[in-house]
Amino acid sequence: SAQPFTYNAILMDIRMPLMDGLTAAANIRHLSNQDASTIPIIAMTA
């Protein structure tokens, strides 16, 4: 729902409730947003 390039990066925890970080990252990459394929997504996990 954000305007393109609102975010510079996403720090993504892998273990989260409802939707884990792996699924969230994959979903973001499949969005049609202008920056969905280029925004850096960084996994932060144990």
All heavy atoms as atom14 arrays in JSON, in Angstrom:
{
  "sequence": "SAQPFTYNAILMDIRMPLMDGLTAAANIRHLSNQDASTIPIIAMTA",
  "atom14_mask": [
    [1, 1, 1, 1, 1, 1, 0, 0, 0, 0, 0, 0, 0, 0],
    [1, 1, 1, 1, 1, 0, 0, 0, 0, 0, 0, 0, 0, 0],
    [1, 1, 1, 1, 1, 1, 1, 1, 1, 0, 0, 0, 0, 0],
    [1, 1, 1, 1, 1, 1, 1, 0, 0, 0, 0, 0, 0, 0],
    [1, 1, 1, 1, 1, 1, 1, 1, 1, 1, 1, 0, 0, 0],
    [1, 1, 1, 1, 1, 1, 1, 0, 0, 0, 0, 0, 0, 0],
    [1, 1, 1, 1, 1, 1, 1, 1, 1, 1, 1, 1, 0, 0],
    [1, 1, 1, 1, 1, 1, 1, 1, 0, 0, 0, 0, 0, 0],
    [1, 1, 1, 1, 1, 0, 0, 0, 0, 0, 0, 0, 0, 0],
    [1, 1, 1, 1, 1, 1, 1, 1, 0, 0, 0, 0, 0, 0],
    [1, 1, 1, 1, 1, 1, 1, 1, 0, 0, 0, 0, 0, 0],
    [1, 1, 1, 1, 1, 1, 1, 1, 0, 0, 0, 0, 0, 0],
    [1, 1, 1, 1, 1, 1, 1, 1, 0, 0, 0, 0, 0, 0],
    [1, 1, 1, 1, 1, 1, 1, 1, 0, 0, 0, 0, 0, 0],
    [1, 1, 1, 1, 1, 1, 1, 1, 1, 1, 1, 0, 0, 0],
    [1, 1, 1, 1, 1, 1, 1, 1, 0, 0, 0, 0, 0, 0],
    [1, 1, 1, 1, 1, 1, 1, 0, 0, 0, 0, 0, 0, 0],
    [1, 1, 1, 1, 1, 1, 1, 1, 0, 0, 0, 0, 0, 0],
    [1, 1, 1, 1, 1, 1, 1, 1, 0, 0, 0, 0, 0, 0],
    [1, 1, 1, 1, 1, 1, 1, 1, 0, 0, 0, 0, 0, 0],
    [1, 1, 1, 1, 0, 0, 0, 0, 0, 0, 0, 0, 0, 0],
    [1, 1, 1, 1, 1, 1, 1, 1, 0, 0, 0, 0, 0, 0],
    [1, 1, 1, 1, 1, 1, 1, 0, 0, 0, 0, 0, 0, 0],
    [1, 1, 1, 1, 1, 0, 0, 0, 0, 0, 0, 0, 0, 0],
    [1, 1, 1, 1, 1, 0, 0, 0, 0, 0, 0, 0, 0, 0],
    [1, 1, 1, 1, 1, 0, 0, 0, 0, 0, 0, 0, 0, 0],
    [1, 1, 1, 1, 1, 1, 1, 1, 0, 0, 0, 0, 0, 0],
    [1, 1, 1, 1, 1, 1, 1, 1, 0, 0, 0, 0, 0, 0],
    [1, 1, 1, 1, 1, 1, 1, 1, 1, 1, 1, 0, 0, 0],
    [1, 1, 1, 1, 1, 1, 1, 1, 1, 1, 0, 0, 0, 0],
    [1, 1, 1, 1, 1, 1, 1, 1, 0, 0, 0, 0, 0, 0],
    [1, 1, 1, 1, 1, 1, 0, 0, 0, 0, 0, 0, 0, 0],
    [1, 1, 1, 1, 1, 1, 1, 1, 0, 0, 0, 0, 0, 0],
    [1, 1, 1, 1, 1, 1, 1, 1, 1, 0, 0, 0, 0, 0],
    [1, 1, 1, 1, 1, 1, 1, 1, 0, 0, 0, 0, 0, 0],
    [1, 1, 1, 1, 1, 0, 0, 0, 0, 0, 0, 0, 0, 0],
    [1, 1, 1, 1, 1, 1, 0, 0, 0, 0, 0, 0, 0, 0],
    [1, 1, 1, 1, 1, 1, 1, 0, 0, 0, 0, 0, 0, 0],
    [1, 1, 1, 1, 1, 1, 1, 1, 0, 0, 0, 0, 0, 0],
    [1, 1, 1, 1, 1, 1, 1, 0, 0, 0, 0, 0, 0, 0],
    [1, 1, 1, 1, 1, 1, 1, 1, 0, 0, 0, 0, 0, 0],
    [1, 1, 1, 1, 1, 1, 1, 1, 0, 0, 0, 0, 0, 0],
    [1, 1, 1, 1, 1, 0, 0, 0, 0, 0, 0, 0, 0, 0],
    [1, 1, 1, 1, 1, 1, 1, 1, 0, 0, 0, 0, 0, 0],
    [1, 1, 1, 1, 1, 1, 1, 0, 0, 0, 0, 0, 0, 0],
    [1, 1, 1, 1, 1, 0, 0, 0, 0, 0, 0, 0, 0, 0]
  ],
  "atom14_positions": [
    [[0.81, -1.23, 0.0], [0.0, 0.0, 0.0], [0.85, 1.28, 0.0], [0.31, 2.37, -0.18], [-0.95, 0.0, 1.2], [-0.23, 0.04, 2.41], [0.0, 0.0, 0.0], [0.0, 0.0, 0.0], [0.0, 0.0, 0.0], [0.0, 0.0, 0.0], [0.0, 0.0, 0.0], [0.0, 0.0, 0.0], [0.0, 0.0, 0.0], [0.0, 0.0, 0.0]],
    [[2.15, 1.14, 0.15], [3.03, 2.32, 0.19], [3.32, 2.83, -1.23], [3.28, 2.07, -2.2], [4.35, 1.97, 0.88], [0.0, 0.0, 0.0], [0.0, 0.0, 0.0], [0.0, 0.0, 0.0], [0.0, 0.0, 0.0], [0.0, 0.0, 0.0], [0.0, 0.0, 0.0], [0.0, 0.0, 0.0], [0.0, 0.0, 0.0], [0.0, 0.0, 0.0]],
    [[3.61, 4.1, -1.31], [4.07, 4.67, -2.57], [5.39, 4.0, -2.95], [6.18, 3.64, -2.07], [4.27, 6.18, -2.44], [2.98, 6.96, -2.25], [2.09, 6.87, -3.47], [2.56, 6.99, -4.6], [0.81, 6.64, -3.26], [0.0, 0.0, 0.0], [0.0, 0.0, 0.0], [0.0, 0.0, 0.0], [0.0, 0.0, 0.0], [0.0, 0.0, 0.0]],
    [[5.67, 3.85, -4.24], [6.95, 3.25, -4.64], [8.13, 3.99, -4.02], [8.14, 5.21, -3.91], [6.95, 3.41, -6.17], [5.51, 3.48, -6.54], [4.84, 4.19, -5.39], [0.0, 0.0, 0.0], [0.0, 0.0, 0.0], [0.0, 0.0, 0.0], [0.0, 0.0, 0.0], [0.0, 0.0, 0.0], [0.0, 0.0, 0.0], [0.0, 0.0, 0.0]],
    [[9.1, 3.23, -3.59], [10.35, 3.72, -3.01], [10.16, 4.43, -1.67], [11.02, 5.19, -1.26], [11.11, 4.58, -4.03], [11.33, 3.84, -5.33], [10.54, 4.11, -6.43], [12.29, 2.85, -5.4], [10.71, 3.4, -7.62], [12.48, 2.13, -6.59], [11.68, 2.42, -7.71], [0.0, 0.0, 0.0], [0.0, 0.0, 0.0], [0.0, 0.0, 0.0]],
    [[9.05, 4.13, -0.98], [8.86, 4.63, 0.38], [9.91, 4.01, 1.29], [10.46, 4.69, 2.16], [7.45, 4.28, 0.89], [6.5, 4.97, 0.08], [7.27, 4.64, 2.35], [0.0, 0.0, 0.0], [0.0, 0.0, 0.0], [0.0, 0.0, 0.0], [0.0, 0.0, 0.0], [0.0, 0.0, 0.0], [0.0, 0.0, 0.0], [0.0, 0.0, 0.0]],
    [[10.18, 2.74, 1.09], [11.11, 2.01, 1.93], [12.44, 1.83, 1.2], [12.47, 1.6, -0.01], [10.54, 0.64, 2.3], [9.26, 0.74, 3.09], [8.02, 0.48, 2.5], [9.28, 1.12, 4.43], [6.85, 0.58, 3.23], [8.11, 1.22, 5.16], [6.9, 0.95, 4.56], [5.74, 1.06, 5.28], [0.0, 0.0, 0.0], [0.0, 0.0, 0.0]],
    [[13.54, 1.92, 1.95], [14.87, 1.71, 1.39], [15.31, 0.26, 1.49], [16.13, -0.19, 0.7], [15.9, 2.59, 2.11], [15.64, 4.05, 1.86], [15.37, 4.45, 0.74], [15.71, 4.84, 2.9], [0.0, 0.0, 0.0], [0.0, 0.0, 0.0], [0.0, 0.0, 0.0], [0.0, 0.0, 0.0], [0.0, 0.0, 0.0], [0.0, 0.0, 0.0]],
    [[14.79, -0.45, 2.48], [15.14, -1.85, 2.7], [14.11, -2.46, 3.65], [13.4, -1.74, 4.34], [16.53, -1.97, 3.3], [0.0, 0.0, 0.0], [0.0, 0.0, 0.0], [0.0, 0.0, 0.0], [0.0, 0.0, 0.0], [0.0, 0.0, 0.0], [0.0, 0.0, 0.0], [0.0, 0.0, 0.0], [0.0, 0.0, 0.0], [0.0, 0.0, 0.0]],
    [[14.08, -3.78, 3.65], [13.21, -4.51, 4.59], [14.1, -5.46, 5.38], [14.82, -6.27, 4.8], [12.13, -5.31, 3.84], [11.2, -4.37, 3.07], [11.33, -6.17, 4.82], [10.22, -5.08, 2.15], [0.0, 0.0, 0.0], [0.0, 0.0, 0.0], [0.0, 0.0, 0.0], [0.0, 0.0, 0.0], [0.0, 0.0, 0.0], [0.0, 0.0, 0.0]],
    [[14.04, -5.31, 6.7], [14.72, -6.25, 7.6], [13.66, -7.25, 8.03], [12.7, -6.9, 8.71], [15.3, -5.51, 8.81], [16.24, -4.36, 8.49], [16.71, -3.69, 9.78], [17.42, -4.84, 7.67], [0.0, 0.0, 0.0], [0.0, 0.0, 0.0], [0.0, 0.0, 0.0], [0.0, 0.0, 0.0], [0.0, 0.0, 0.0], [0.0, 0.0, 0.0]],
    [[13.81, -8.49, 7.61], [12.75, -9.49, 7.74], [13.14, -10.59, 8.71], [14.09, -11.34, 8.46], [12.46, -10.1, 6.37], [11.3, -11.05, 6.34], [9.7, -10.23, 6.34], [9.63, -9.63, 4.67], [0.0, 0.0, 0.0], [0.0, 0.0, 0.0], [0.0, 0.0, 0.0], [0.0, 0.0, 0.0], [0.0, 0.0, 0.0], [0.0, 0.0, 0.0]],
    [[12.39, -10.69, 9.79], [12.54, -11.83, 10.69], [11.96, -13.05, 9.97], [10.98, -12.93, 9.24], [11.79, -11.56, 12.0], [12.16, -12.53, 13.11], [12.95, -13.46, 12.87], [11.66, -12.34, 14.23], [0.0, 0.0, 0.0], [0.0, 0.0, 0.0], [0.0, 0.0, 0.0], [0.0, 0.0, 0.0], [0.0, 0.0, 0.0], [0.0, 0.0, 0.0]],
    [[12.55, -14.19, 10.17], [12.06, -15.39, 9.51], [10.86, -15.98, 10.26], [9.87, -16.37, 9.65], [13.17, -16.46, 9.39], [14.3, -15.94, 8.52], [12.62, -17.77, 8.83], [13.94, -15.62, 7.1], [0.0, 0.0, 0.0], [0.0, 0.0, 0.0], [0.0, 0.0, 0.0], [0.0, 0.0, 0.0], [0.0, 0.0, 0.0], [0.0, 0.0, 0.0]],
    [[10.93, -16.0, 11.56], [9.86, -16.6, 12.37], [8.93, -15.51, 12.88], [9.28, -14.75, 13.78], [10.44, -17.36, 13.54], [11.21, -18.57, 13.1], [11.66, -19.37, 14.28], [12.43, -20.51, 13.83], [12.62, -21.57, 14.55], [12.11, -21.64, 15.77], [13.33, -22.56, 14.08], [0.0, 0.0, 0.0], [0.0, 0.0, 0.0], [0.0, 0.0, 0.0]],
    [[7.75, -15.45, 12.27], [6.72, -14.5, 12.69], [5.38, -15.22, 12.66], [5.21, -16.19, 11.92], [6.67, -13.3, 11.74], [7.89, -12.43, 11.76], [7.71, -10.95, 10.74], [7.83, -11.66, 9.09], [0.0, 0.0, 0.0], [0.0, 0.0, 0.0], [0.0, 0.0, 0.0], [0.0, 0.0, 0.0], [0.0, 0.0, 0.0], [0.0, 0.0, 0.0]],
    [[4.43, -14.72, 13.44], [3.1, -15.34, 13.41], [2.36, -15.02, 12.11], [2.72, -14.1, 11.4], [2.4, -14.71, 14.62], [3.11, -13.43, 14.85], [4.53, -13.64, 14.41], [0.0, 0.0, 0.0], [0.0, 0.0, 0.0], [0.0, 0.0, 0.0], [0.0, 0.0, 0.0], [0.0, 0.0, 0.0], [0.0, 0.0, 0.0], [0.0, 0.0, 0.0]],
    [[1.34, -15.77, 11.83], [0.45, -15.63, 10.68], [1.13, -15.89, 9.34], [0.67, -16.69, 8.57], [-0.25, -14.27, 10.66], [-1.1, -13.95, 11.89], [-1.76, -12.59, 11.72], [-2.15, -15.01, 12.17], [0.0, 0.0, 0.0], [0.0, 0.0, 0.0], [0.0, 0.0, 0.0], [0.0, 0.0, 0.0], [0.0, 0.0, 0.0], [0.0, 0.0, 0.0]],
    [[2.19, -15.16, 9.03], [2.95, -15.39, 7.8], [4.43, -15.24, 8.14], [4.85, -14.2, 8.64], [2.56, -14.38, 6.72], [3.31, -14.57, 5.42], [3.01, -13.26, 4.19], [1.28, -13.53, 3.82], [0.0, 0.0, 0.0], [0.0, 0.0, 0.0], [0.0, 0.0, 0.0], [0.0, 0.0, 0.0], [0.0, 0.0, 0.0], [0.0, 0.0, 0.0]],
    [[5.2, -16.29, 7.86], [6.63, -16.21, 8.18], [7.36, -15.3, 7.2], [6.82, -14.89, 6.17], [7.25, -17.6, 8.24], [7.25, -18.32, 6.91], [7.62, -17.71, 5.88], [6.9, -19.5, 6.88], [0.0, 0.0, 0.0], [0.0, 0.0, 0.0], [0.0, 0.0, 0.0], [0.0, 0.0, 0.0], [0.0, 0.0, 0.0], [0.0, 0.0, 0.0]],
    [[8.6, -14.99, 7.51], [9.38, -14.07, 6.71], [9.69, -14.59, 5.32], [9.79, -13.81, 4.36], [0.0, 0.0, 0.0], [0.0, 0.0, 0.0], [0.0, 0.0, 0.0], [0.0, 0.0, 0.0], [0.0, 0.0, 0.0], [0.0, 0.0, 0.0], [0.0, 0.0, 0.0], [0.0, 0.0, 0.0], [0.0, 0.0, 0.0], [0.0, 0.0, 0.0]],
    [[9.86, -15.9, 5.17], [10.13, -16.47, 3.85], [8.94, -16.25, 2.93], [9.1, -15.82, 1.77], [10.45, -17.96, 3.96], [11.7, -18.32, 4.76], [11.81, -19.83, 4.93], [12.95, -17.75, 4.11], [0.0, 0.0, 0.0], [0.0, 0.0, 0.0], [0.0, 0.0, 0.0], [0.0, 0.0, 0.0], [0.0, 0.0, 0.0], [0.0, 0.0, 0.0]],
    [[7.76, -16.53, 3.43], [6.55, -16.34, 2.64], [6.32, -14.87, 2.35], [5.95, -14.5, 1.23], [5.33, -16.95, 3.37], [5.61, -18.32, 3.65], [4.07, -16.84, 2.55], [0.0, 0.0, 0.0], [0.0, 0.0, 0.0], [0.0, 0.0, 0.0], [0.0, 0.0, 0.0], [0.0, 0.0, 0.0], [0.0, 0.0, 0.0], [0.0, 0.0, 0.0]],
    [[6.53, -14.01, 3.34], [6.35, -12.57, 3.15], [7.3, -12.05, 2.08], [6.9, -11.28, 1.19], [6.57, -11.83, 4.47], [0.0, 0.0, 0.0], [0.0, 0.0, 0.0], [0.0, 0.0, 0.0], [0.0, 0.0, 0.0], [0.0, 0.0, 0.0], [0.0, 0.0, 0.0], [0.0, 0.0, 0.0], [0.0, 0.0, 0.0], [0.0, 0.0, 0.0]],
    [[8.56, -12.46, 2.12], [9.53, -12.01, 1.11], [9.11, -12.48, -0.28], [9.15, -11.69, -1.24], [10.92, -12.53, 1.45], [0.0, 0.0, 0.0], [0.0, 0.0, 0.0], [0.0, 0.0, 0.0], [0.0, 0.0, 0.0], [0.0, 0.0, 0.0], [0.0, 0.0, 0.0], [0.0, 0.0, 0.0], [0.0, 0.0, 0.0], [0.0, 0.0, 0.0]],
    [[8.72, -13.72, -0.4], [8.28, -14.24, -1.7], [7.07, -13.48, -2.21], [6.98, -13.15, -3.4], [7.99, -15.74, -1.6], [0.0, 0.0, 0.0], [0.0, 0.0, 0.0], [0.0, 0.0, 0.0], [0.0, 0.0, 0.0], [0.0, 0.0, 0.0], [0.0, 0.0, 0.0], [0.0, 0.0, 0.0], [0.0, 0.0, 0.0], [0.0, 0.0, 0.0]],
    [[6.13, -13.18, -1.31], [4.94, -12.42, -1.71], [5.31, -11.02, -2.17], [4.76, -10.52, -3.15], [3.93, -12.36, -0.57], [3.19, -13.65, -0.37], [3.17, -14.52, -1.24], [2.57, -13.81, 0.78], [0.0, 0.0, 0.0], [0.0, 0.0, 0.0], [0.0, 0.0, 0.0], [0.0, 0.0, 0.0], [0.0, 0.0, 0.0], [0.0, 0.0, 0.0]],
    [[6.22, -10.37, -1.47], [6.65, -9.03, -1.87], [7.29, -9.08, -3.26], [7.01, -8.24, -4.11], [7.62, -8.43, -0.83], [6.84, -8.06, 0.43], [8.36, -7.22, -1.4], [7.7, -7.69, 1.63], [0.0, 0.0, 0.0], [0.0, 0.0, 0.0], [0.0, 0.0, 0.0], [0.0, 0.0, 0.0], [0.0, 0.0, 0.0], [0.0, 0.0, 0.0]],
    [[8.13, -10.05, -3.5], [8.79, -10.17, -4.8], [7.8, -10.38, -5.95], [8.09, -10.05, -7.09], [9.81, -11.31, -4.79], [11.0, -11.04, -3.9], [11.81, -9.85, -4.38], [13.04, -9.73, -3.61], [13.57, -8.58, -3.27], [13.01, -7.44, -3.63], [14.69, -8.54, -2.58], [0.0, 0.0, 0.0], [0.0, 0.0, 0.0], [0.0, 0.0, 0.0]],
    [[6.61, -10.92, -5.64], [5.61, -11.17, -6.68], [4.6, -10.04, -6.83], [3.7, -10.14, -7.67], [4.9, -12.5, -6.42], [5.77, -13.68, -6.68], [6.44, -14.34, -5.68], [6.12, -14.29, -7.84], [7.15, -15.31, -6.21], [6.99, -15.31, -7.51], [0.0, 0.0, 0.0], [0.0, 0.0, 0.0], [0.0, 0.0, 0.0], [0.0, 0.0, 0.0]],
    [[4.73, -8.98, -6.05], [3.83, -7.84, -6.19], [4.16, -7.06, -7.46], [5.28, -7.13, -7.97], [3.96, -6.92, -4.96], [3.48, -7.48, -3.63], [3.84, -6.51, -2.49], [1.97, -7.73, -3.65], [0.0, 0.0, 0.0], [0.0, 0.0, 0.0], [0.0, 0.0, 0.0], [0.0, 0.0, 0.0], [0.0, 0.0, 0.0], [0.0, 0.0, 0.0]],
    [[3.22, -6.3, -7.91], [3.44, -5.49, -9.12], [4.02, -4.11, -8.8], [4.25, -3.32, -9.72], [2.12, -5.34, -9.9], [1.16, -4.67, -9.1], [0.0, 0.0, 0.0], [0.0, 0.0, 0.0], [0.0, 0.0, 0.0], [0.0, 0.0, 0.0], [0.0, 0.0, 0.0], [0.0, 0.0, 0.0], [0.0, 0.0, 0.0], [0.0, 0.0, 0.0]],
    [[4.27, -3.83, -7.54], [4.85, -2.54, -7.16], [6.15, -2.32, -7.92], [6.93, -3.24, -8.14], [5.16, -2.51, -5.65], [3.95, -2.74, -4.8], [3.15, -3.61, -5.11], [3.82, -2.01, -3.73], [0.0, 0.0, 0.0], [0.0, 0.0, 0.0], [0.0, 0.0, 0.0], [0.0, 0.0, 0.0], [0.0, 0.0, 0.0], [0.0, 0.0, 0.0]],
    [[6.39, -1.07, -8.27], [7.56, -0.7, -9.06], [8.87, -1.15, -8.42], [9.82, -1.51, -9.11], [7.56, 0.81, -9.26], [8.62, 1.33, -10.19], [8.51, 2.83, -10.36], [7.61, 3.48, -9.84], [9.44, 3.39, -11.11], [0.0, 0.0, 0.0], [0.0, 0.0, 0.0], [0.0, 0.0, 0.0], [0.0, 0.0, 0.0], [0.0, 0.0, 0.0]],
    [[8.93, -1.13, -7.09], [10.17, -1.46, -6.39], [10.18, -2.86, -5.76], [11.13, -3.22, -5.07], [10.47, -0.41, -5.32], [9.31, -0.18, -4.36], [8.18, -0.6, -4.65], [9.55, 0.45, -3.31], [0.0, 0.0, 0.0], [0.0, 0.0, 0.0], [0.0, 0.0, 0.0], [0.0, 0.0, 0.0], [0.0, 0.0, 0.0], [0.0, 0.0, 0.0]],
    [[9.16, -3.66, -6.03], [9.05, -4.98, -5.39], [10.2, -5.92, -5.75], [10.62, -6.73, -4.93], [7.72, -5.63, -5.73], [0.0, 0.0, 0.0], [0.0, 0.0, 0.0], [0.0, 0.0, 0.0], [0.0, 0.0, 0.0], [0.0, 0.0, 0.0], [0.0, 0.0, 0.0], [0.0, 0.0, 0.0], [0.0, 0.0, 0.0], [0.0, 0.0, 0.0]],
    [[10.72, -5.8, -6.94], [11.79, -6.72, -7.34], [13.18, -6.22, -6.96], [14.15, -6.97, -7.03], [11.73, -6.96, -8.85], [12.0, -5.76, -9.55], [0.0, 0.0, 0.0], [0.0, 0.0, 0.0], [0.0, 0.0, 0.0], [0.0, 0.0, 0.0], [0.0, 0.0, 0.0], [0.0, 0.0, 0.0], [0.0, 0.0, 0.0], [0.0, 0.0, 0.0]],
    [[13.28, -4.95, -6.55], [14.6, -4.38, -6.29], [14.88, -4.01, -4.84], [16.04, -3.85, -4.46], [14.83, -3.13, -7.15], [13.81, -2.17, -6.85], [14.82, -3.48, -8.62], [0.0, 0.0, 0.0], [0.0, 0.0, 0.0], [0.0, 0.0, 0.0], [0.0, 0.0, 0.0], [0.0, 0.0, 0.0], [0.0, 0.0, 0.0], [0.0, 0.0, 0.0]],
    [[13.84, -3.86, -4.03], [14.09, -3.47, -2.63], [14.92, -4.53, -1.94], [14.62, -5.73, -2.04], [12.77, -3.2, -1.87], [13.1, -2.61, -0.49], [11.91, -4.45, -1.77], [11.93, -1.98, 0.22], [0.0, 0.0, 0.0], [0.0, 0.0, 0.0], [0.0, 0.0, 0.0], [0.0, 0.0, 0.0], [0.0, 0.0, 0.0], [0.0, 0.0, 0.0]],
    [[15.98, -4.14, -1.25], [16.76, -5.13, -0.51], [15.93, -5.72, 0.65], [15.36, -4.98, 1.44], [17.94, -4.33, 0.03], [18.04, -3.13, -0.84], [16.63, -2.82, -1.24], [0.0, 0.0, 0.0], [0.0, 0.0, 0.0], [0.0, 0.0, 0.0], [0.0, 0.0, 0.0], [0.0, 0.0, 0.0], [0.0, 0.0, 0.0], [0.0, 0.0, 0.0]],
    [[15.84, -7.03, 0.69], [15.19, -7.73, 1.79], [16.26, -8.55, 2.49], [16.9, -9.41, 1.87], [14.04, -8.64, 1.32], [13.0, -7.84, 0.54], [13.39, -9.34, 2.52], [11.87, -8.69, -0.05], [0.0, 0.0, 0.0], [0.0, 0.0, 0.0], [0.0, 0.0, 0.0], [0.0, 0.0, 0.0], [0.0, 0.0, 0.0], [0.0, 0.0, 0.0]],
    [[16.46, -8.28, 3.76], [17.53, -8.91, 4.52], [16.93, -9.78, 5.63], [16.2, -9.28, 6.48], [18.47, -7.85, 5.1], [19.07, -7.03, 3.95], [19.55, -8.49, 5.96], [19.76, -5.78, 4.36], [0.0, 0.0, 0.0], [0.0, 0.0, 0.0], [0.0, 0.0, 0.0], [0.0, 0.0, 0.0], [0.0, 0.0, 0.0], [0.0, 0.0, 0.0]],
    [[17.24, -11.06, 5.58], [16.78, -11.99, 6.61], [17.56, -11.74, 7.89], [18.77, -11.58, 7.87], [16.99, -13.43, 6.15], [0.0, 0.0, 0.0], [0.0, 0.0, 0.0], [0.0, 0.0, 0.0], [0.0, 0.0, 0.0], [0.0, 0.0, 0.0], [0.0, 0.0, 0.0], [0.0, 0.0, 0.0], [0.0, 0.0, 0.0], [0.0, 0.0, 0.0]],
    [[16.84, -11.7, 8.99], [17.45, -11.58, 10.32], [16.9, -12.73, 11.15], [15.73, -12.76, 11.48], [17.1, -10.23, 10.93], [17.65, -9.07, 10.11], [17.2, -7.44, 10.68], [17.75, -7.48, 12.36], [0.0, 0.0, 0.0], [0.0, 0.0, 0.0], [0.0, 0.0, 0.0], [0.0, 0.0, 0.0], [0.0, 0.0, 0.0], [0.0, 0.0, 0.0]],
    [[17.77, -13.69, 11.46], [17.28, -14.93, 12.06], [18.37, -15.67, 12.83], [19.55, -15.49, 12.57], [16.72, -15.85, 10.96], [16.25, -17.05, 11.54], [17.76, -16.16, 9.9], [0.0, 0.0, 0.0], [0.0, 0.0, 0.0], [0.0, 0.0, 0.0], [0.0, 0.0, 0.0], [0.0, 0.0, 0.0], [0.0, 0.0, 0.0], [0.0, 0.0, 0.0]],
    [[17.93, -16.5, 13.74], [18.86, -17.39, 14.44], [19.1, -18.66, 13.63], [19.98, -19.44, 13.94], [18.3, -17.74, 15.82], [0.0, 0.0, 0.0], [0.0, 0.0, 0.0], [0.0, 0.0, 0.0], [0.0, 0.0, 0.0], [0.0, 0.0, 0.0], [0.0, 0.0, 0.0], [0.0, 0.0, 0.0], [0.0, 0.0, 0.0], [0.0, 0.0, 0.0]]
  ]
}
